[in-house]
């Protein structure tokens, strides 16, 4: 995902979570940086972007910003874990065997009997 799009989604989620205005101003700053020419090729997941924001100097100096971002990071990680579990469950589903497989199995059983 494009970093700018990811930051905009993060901003929307923070607004939905009633984040502190300082947190939103941090996001606005980061979005403006990501909008700079040449920065549009930057790719990152939401999880990576949130981690980057948590480690920013603004977040480490302002505990309201830090708390907003950590809350969002927990939500993002929870959703990622749910998606991973769903993908794993989908991958673990047994694949139905073909008609050819059962014919060959029947022939083997006849030969052995």
N, C-alpha and C. Protein backbone atom coordinates (compact mmCIF):
# COMPACT_ATOMS: atom_id res chain seq x y z
N UNK A 1 0.84 -1.17 0.00
CA UNK A 1 0.00 0.00 0.00
C UNK A 1 0.89 1.24 0.00
N UNK A 2 0.44 2.24 -0.71
CA UNK A 2 1.15 3.51 -0.76
C UNK A 2 1.15 4.12 0.66
N UNK A 3 2.28 4.68 1.05
CA UNK A 3 2.42 5.22 2.41
C UNK A 3 1.42 6.35 2.66
N UNK A 4 1.19 7.19 1.66
CA UNK A 4 0.25 8.30 1.85
C UNK A 4 -1.17 7.77 2.09
N UNK A 5 -1.58 6.80 1.31
CA UNK A 5 -2.91 6.22 1.49
C UNK A 5 -3.03 5.56 2.86
N UNK A 6 -1.98 4.88 3.27
CA UNK A 6 -1.99 4.24 4.59
C UNK A 6 -2.10 5.26 5.71
N UNK A 7 -1.38 6.37 5.58
CA UNK A 7 -1.46 7.41 6.60
C UNK A 7 -2.85 8.05 6.63
N UNK A 8 -3.47 8.20 5.48
CA UNK A 8 -4.83 8.76 5.46
C UNK A 8 -5.82 7.81 6.13
N UNK A 9 -5.65 6.52 5.90
CA UNK A 9 -6.53 5.54 6.57
C UNK A 9 -6.31 5.57 8.08
N UNK A 10 -5.06 5.68 8.48
CA UNK A 10 -4.74 5.76 9.91
C UNK A 10 -5.39 7.00 10.51
N UNK A 11 -5.33 8.10 9.78
CA UNK A 11 -5.95 9.34 10.26
C UNK A 11 -7.46 9.16 10.45
N UNK A 12 -8.10 8.51 9.48
CA UNK A 12 -9.54 8.26 9.60
C UNK A 12 -9.86 7.42 10.82
N UNK A 13 -9.04 6.41 11.07
CA UNK A 13 -9.27 5.55 12.23
C UNK A 13 -9.04 6.31 13.53
N UNK A 14 -8.05 7.19 13.54
CA UNK A 14 -7.81 7.99 14.74
C UNK A 14 -8.96 8.96 15.00
N UNK A 15 -9.52 9.52 13.94
CA UNK A 15 -10.68 10.40 14.11
C UNK A 15 -11.85 9.60 14.68
N UNK A 16 -12.03 8.38 14.18
CA UNK A 16 -13.11 7.52 14.70
C UNK A 16 -12.88 7.16 16.17
N UNK A 17 -11.61 7.09 16.57
CA UNK A 17 -11.27 6.77 17.97
C UNK A 17 -11.22 8.01 18.85
N UNK A 18 -11.59 9.17 18.31
CA UNK A 18 -11.57 10.44 19.05
C UNK A 18 -10.17 10.73 19.59
N UNK A 19 -9.21 10.75 18.68
CA UNK A 19 -7.82 10.97 19.06
C UNK A 19 -7.57 12.43 19.42
N UNK A 20 -6.48 12.64 20.12
CA UNK A 20 -6.04 13.97 20.53
C UNK A 20 -5.69 14.82 19.30
N UNK A 21 -5.95 16.13 19.33
CA UNK A 21 -5.60 16.98 18.19
C UNK A 21 -4.11 16.96 17.85
N UNK A 22 -3.26 16.76 18.84
CA UNK A 22 -1.82 16.67 18.57
C UNK A 22 -1.50 15.45 17.72
N UNK A 23 -2.23 14.37 17.95
CA UNK A 23 -2.03 13.16 17.16
C UNK A 23 -2.42 13.42 15.71
N UNK A 24 -3.52 14.10 15.53
CA UNK A 24 -3.98 14.40 14.17
C UNK A 24 -3.02 15.36 13.46
N UNK A 25 -2.45 16.30 14.20
CA UNK A 25 -1.48 17.21 13.58
C UNK A 25 -0.21 16.45 13.18
N UNK A 26 0.19 15.46 13.98
CA UNK A 26 1.33 14.62 13.61
C UNK A 26 1.03 13.89 12.31
N UNK A 27 -0.17 13.35 12.21
CA UNK A 27 -0.56 12.63 10.99
C UNK A 27 -0.60 13.58 9.80
N UNK A 28 -1.11 14.78 10.00
CA UNK A 28 -1.14 15.76 8.90
C UNK A 28 0.28 16.08 8.42
N UNK A 29 1.20 16.20 9.35
CA UNK A 29 2.60 16.46 8.99
C UNK A 29 3.17 15.31 8.18
N UNK A 30 2.90 14.09 8.64
CA UNK A 30 3.42 12.91 7.93
C UNK A 30 2.77 12.76 6.56
N UNK A 31 1.50 13.08 6.46
CA UNK A 31 0.82 13.00 5.16
C UNK A 31 1.41 14.01 4.19
N UNK A 32 1.70 15.21 4.69
CA UNK A 32 2.30 16.22 3.81
C UNK A 32 3.70 15.79 3.36
N UNK A 33 4.44 15.12 4.24
CA UNK A 33 5.76 14.60 3.85
C UNK A 33 5.63 13.50 2.81
N UNK A 34 4.62 12.65 2.99
CA UNK A 34 4.41 11.55 2.05
C UNK A 34 3.87 12.04 0.72
N UNK A 35 3.35 13.26 0.69
CA UNK A 35 2.82 13.83 -0.54
C UNK A 35 3.89 14.51 -1.38
N UNK A 36 5.08 14.62 -0.85
CA UNK A 36 6.17 15.29 -1.56
C UNK A 36 6.53 14.52 -2.83
N UNK A 37 7.02 15.23 -3.83
CA UNK A 37 7.41 14.54 -5.07
C UNK A 37 8.48 13.49 -4.79
N UNK A 38 8.31 12.34 -5.37
CA UNK A 38 9.25 11.25 -5.16
C UNK A 38 8.87 10.34 -4.02
N UNK A 39 8.02 10.81 -3.12
CA UNK A 39 7.62 10.00 -1.97
C UNK A 39 6.44 9.10 -2.29
N UNK A 40 5.81 9.30 -3.45
CA UNK A 40 4.63 8.50 -3.76
C UNK A 40 4.96 7.04 -4.01
N UNK A 41 6.22 6.74 -4.23
CA UNK A 41 6.62 5.35 -4.45
C UNK A 41 6.85 4.58 -3.16
N UNK A 42 6.81 5.27 -2.04
CA UNK A 42 7.04 4.61 -0.75
C UNK A 42 5.89 3.67 -0.43
N UNK A 43 6.23 2.44 -0.11
CA UNK A 43 5.24 1.42 0.21
C UNK A 43 5.42 0.98 1.66
N UNK A 44 4.31 0.81 2.37
CA UNK A 44 4.37 0.33 3.75
C UNK A 44 2.98 -0.16 4.16
N UNK A 45 2.98 -1.11 5.09
CA UNK A 45 1.71 -1.59 5.63
C UNK A 45 1.26 -0.64 6.73
N UNK A 46 0.00 -0.74 7.11
CA UNK A 46 -0.50 0.11 8.19
C UNK A 46 0.23 -0.19 9.49
N UNK A 47 0.54 -1.44 9.71
CA UNK A 47 1.25 -1.81 10.93
C UNK A 47 2.63 -1.14 10.98
N UNK A 48 3.33 -1.15 9.86
CA UNK A 48 4.64 -0.50 9.80
C UNK A 48 4.52 1.01 10.02
N UNK A 49 3.50 1.61 9.42
CA UNK A 49 3.32 3.05 9.57
C UNK A 49 3.00 3.43 11.01
N UNK A 50 2.15 2.65 11.65
CA UNK A 50 1.79 2.96 13.04
C UNK A 50 3.02 2.81 13.93
N UNK A 51 3.81 1.75 13.71
CA UNK A 51 5.04 1.58 14.49
C UNK A 51 5.98 2.77 14.30
N UNK A 52 6.09 3.24 13.06
CA UNK A 52 6.94 4.40 12.78
C UNK A 52 6.43 5.62 13.53
N UNK A 53 5.12 5.81 13.55
CA UNK A 53 4.54 6.96 14.24
C UNK A 53 4.74 6.86 15.75
N UNK A 54 4.62 5.66 16.30
CA UNK A 54 4.82 5.47 17.74
C UNK A 54 6.25 5.83 18.14
N UNK A 55 7.19 5.56 17.26
CA UNK A 55 8.60 5.83 17.56
C UNK A 55 9.03 7.26 17.23
N UNK A 56 8.11 8.07 16.74
CA UNK A 56 8.46 9.44 16.38
C UNK A 56 8.71 10.27 17.64
N UNK A 57 9.50 11.32 17.52
CA UNK A 57 9.78 12.18 18.69
C UNK A 57 8.52 12.82 19.27
N UNK A 58 7.57 13.14 18.43
CA UNK A 58 6.33 13.76 18.93
C UNK A 58 5.60 12.79 19.85
N UNK A 59 5.55 11.52 19.46
CA UNK A 59 4.85 10.52 20.27
C UNK A 59 5.59 10.24 21.57
N UNK A 60 6.90 10.21 21.52
CA UNK A 60 7.65 9.92 22.75
C UNK A 60 7.61 11.09 23.73
N UNK A 61 7.38 12.29 23.23
CA UNK A 61 7.33 13.46 24.12
C UNK A 61 5.92 13.80 24.60
N UNK A 62 4.90 13.25 23.98
CA UNK A 62 3.52 13.56 24.34
C UNK A 62 2.79 12.25 24.60
N UNK A 63 2.44 11.99 25.85
CA UNK A 63 1.85 10.70 26.17
C UNK A 63 0.44 10.53 25.61
N UNK A 64 -0.29 11.62 25.34
CA UNK A 64 -1.61 11.50 24.72
C UNK A 64 -1.47 10.96 23.29
N UNK A 65 -0.51 11.49 22.57
CA UNK A 65 -0.25 11.02 21.21
C UNK A 65 0.20 9.57 21.25
N UNK A 66 1.10 9.27 22.16
CA UNK A 66 1.61 7.90 22.29
C UNK A 66 0.47 6.92 22.59
N UNK A 67 -0.40 7.29 23.52
CA UNK A 67 -1.51 6.40 23.88
C UNK A 67 -2.47 6.19 22.71
N UNK A 68 -2.75 7.25 21.97
CA UNK A 68 -3.62 7.11 20.79
C UNK A 68 -3.02 6.14 19.79
N UNK A 69 -1.73 6.29 19.55
CA UNK A 69 -1.07 5.45 18.55
C UNK A 69 -0.91 4.01 19.02
N UNK A 70 -0.65 3.81 20.29
CA UNK A 70 -0.53 2.45 20.81
C UNK A 70 -1.88 1.74 20.76
N UNK A 71 -2.95 2.47 21.06
CA UNK A 71 -4.29 1.89 20.97
C UNK A 71 -4.58 1.46 19.53
N UNK A 72 -4.23 2.33 18.59
CA UNK A 72 -4.43 2.01 17.18
C UNK A 72 -3.55 0.84 16.74
N UNK A 73 -2.33 0.80 17.24
CA UNK A 73 -1.43 -0.30 16.90
C UNK A 73 -2.00 -1.64 17.38
N UNK A 74 -2.58 -1.64 18.56
CA UNK A 74 -3.20 -2.87 19.08
C UNK A 74 -4.36 -3.30 18.19
N UNK A 75 -5.17 -2.34 17.74
CA UNK A 75 -6.28 -2.67 16.85
C UNK A 75 -5.78 -3.24 15.52
N UNK A 76 -4.76 -2.61 14.96
CA UNK A 76 -4.22 -3.05 13.67
C UNK A 76 -3.63 -4.45 13.81
N UNK A 77 -2.90 -4.70 14.89
CA UNK A 77 -2.31 -6.02 15.09
C UNK A 77 -3.37 -7.08 15.31
N UNK A 78 -4.44 -6.72 16.00
CA UNK A 78 -5.53 -7.67 16.23
C UNK A 78 -6.20 -8.06 14.91
N UNK A 79 -6.45 -7.08 14.08
CA UNK A 79 -7.06 -7.35 12.77
C UNK A 79 -6.12 -8.20 11.91
N UNK A 80 -4.84 -7.90 11.96
CA UNK A 80 -3.86 -8.67 11.19
C UNK A 80 -3.82 -10.12 11.67
N UNK A 81 -3.90 -10.32 12.98
CA UNK A 81 -3.89 -11.68 13.53
C UNK A 81 -5.15 -12.44 13.11
N UNK A 82 -6.28 -11.75 13.09
CA UNK A 82 -7.53 -12.40 12.66
C UNK A 82 -7.44 -12.79 11.18
N UNK A 83 -6.89 -11.90 10.37
CA UNK A 83 -6.75 -12.22 8.94
C UNK A 83 -5.79 -13.39 8.74
N UNK A 84 -4.71 -13.41 9.50
CA UNK A 84 -3.75 -14.51 9.37
C UNK A 84 -4.39 -15.83 9.79
N UNK A 85 -5.18 -15.80 10.86
CA UNK A 85 -5.85 -17.02 11.32
C UNK A 85 -6.86 -17.49 10.28
N UNK A 86 -7.58 -16.56 9.67
CA UNK A 86 -8.55 -16.94 8.63
C UNK A 86 -7.84 -17.52 7.41
N UNK A 87 -6.72 -16.92 7.04
CA UNK A 87 -5.96 -17.43 5.89
C UNK A 87 -5.40 -18.82 6.19
N UNK A 88 -4.94 -19.02 7.41
CA UNK A 88 -4.40 -20.32 7.80
C UNK A 88 -5.50 -21.38 7.81
N UNK A 89 -6.67 -21.01 8.31
CA UNK A 89 -7.79 -21.94 8.32
C UNK A 89 -8.20 -22.31 6.90
N UNK A 90 -8.17 -21.34 6.02
CA UNK A 90 -8.50 -21.58 4.61
C UNK A 90 -7.47 -22.51 3.97
N UNK A 91 -6.21 -22.31 4.31
CA UNK A 91 -5.15 -23.15 3.74
C UNK A 91 -5.20 -24.57 4.29
N UNK A 92 -5.69 -24.73 5.51
CA UNK A 92 -5.74 -26.05 6.13
C UNK A 92 -6.97 -26.87 5.75
N UNK A 93 -7.88 -26.28 5.00
CA UNK A 93 -9.06 -27.03 4.58
C UNK A 93 -8.63 -28.18 3.68
N UNK A 94 -9.23 -29.34 3.89
CA UNK A 94 -8.86 -30.46 3.02
C UNK A 94 -9.35 -30.22 1.59
N UNK A 95 -8.50 -30.58 0.66
CA UNK A 95 -8.83 -30.42 -0.75
C UNK A 95 -9.54 -31.69 -1.21
N UNK A 96 -10.69 -31.57 -1.83
CA UNK A 96 -11.39 -32.78 -2.27
C UNK A 96 -10.57 -33.52 -3.33
N UNK A 97 -10.63 -34.82 -3.23
CA UNK A 97 -9.87 -35.65 -4.16
C UNK A 97 -10.68 -35.83 -5.45
N UNK A 98 -9.96 -36.05 -6.53
CA UNK A 98 -10.62 -36.19 -7.82
C UNK A 98 -11.21 -37.59 -7.99
N UNK A 99 -12.05 -37.72 -8.98
CA UNK A 99 -12.67 -39.00 -9.30
C UNK A 99 -11.59 -40.01 -9.71
N UNK A 100 -10.58 -39.50 -10.39
CA UNK A 100 -9.48 -40.35 -10.85
C UNK A 100 -8.77 -40.99 -9.65
N UNK A 101 -8.59 -40.24 -8.58
CA UNK A 101 -7.93 -40.76 -7.39
C UNK A 101 -8.71 -41.95 -6.83
N UNK A 102 -10.02 -41.81 -6.74
CA UNK A 102 -10.82 -42.89 -6.18
C UNK A 102 -10.86 -44.11 -7.09
N UNK A 103 -10.82 -43.90 -8.40
CA UNK A 103 -10.75 -45.03 -9.34
C UNK A 103 -9.45 -45.79 -9.15
N UNK A 104 -8.35 -45.04 -9.04
CA UNK A 104 -7.05 -45.69 -8.85
C UNK A 104 -7.00 -46.43 -7.52
N UNK A 105 -7.58 -45.87 -6.50
CA UNK A 105 -7.62 -46.51 -5.19
C UNK A 105 -8.41 -47.81 -5.25
N UNK A 106 -9.53 -47.78 -5.95
CA UNK A 106 -10.37 -48.96 -6.09
C UNK A 106 -9.62 -50.06 -6.86
N UNK A 107 -8.89 -49.66 -7.92
CA UNK A 107 -8.12 -50.63 -8.69
C UNK A 107 -7.01 -51.25 -7.85
N UNK A 108 -6.34 -50.45 -7.04
CA UNK A 108 -5.29 -50.98 -6.16
C UNK A 108 -5.86 -51.97 -5.16
N UNK A 109 -7.01 -51.66 -4.62
CA UNK A 109 -7.64 -52.55 -3.65
C UNK A 109 -8.03 -53.87 -4.31
N UNK A 110 -8.48 -53.82 -5.56
CA UNK A 110 -8.84 -55.05 -6.28
C UNK A 110 -7.60 -55.90 -6.51
N UNK A 111 -6.48 -55.26 -6.89
CA UNK A 111 -5.25 -56.00 -7.14
C UNK A 111 -4.72 -56.65 -5.87
N UNK A 112 -4.83 -55.95 -4.77
CA UNK A 112 -4.31 -56.47 -3.50
C UNK A 112 -5.20 -57.57 -2.93
N UNK A 113 -6.46 -57.54 -3.25
CA UNK A 113 -7.39 -58.52 -2.67
C UNK A 113 -7.41 -59.82 -3.44
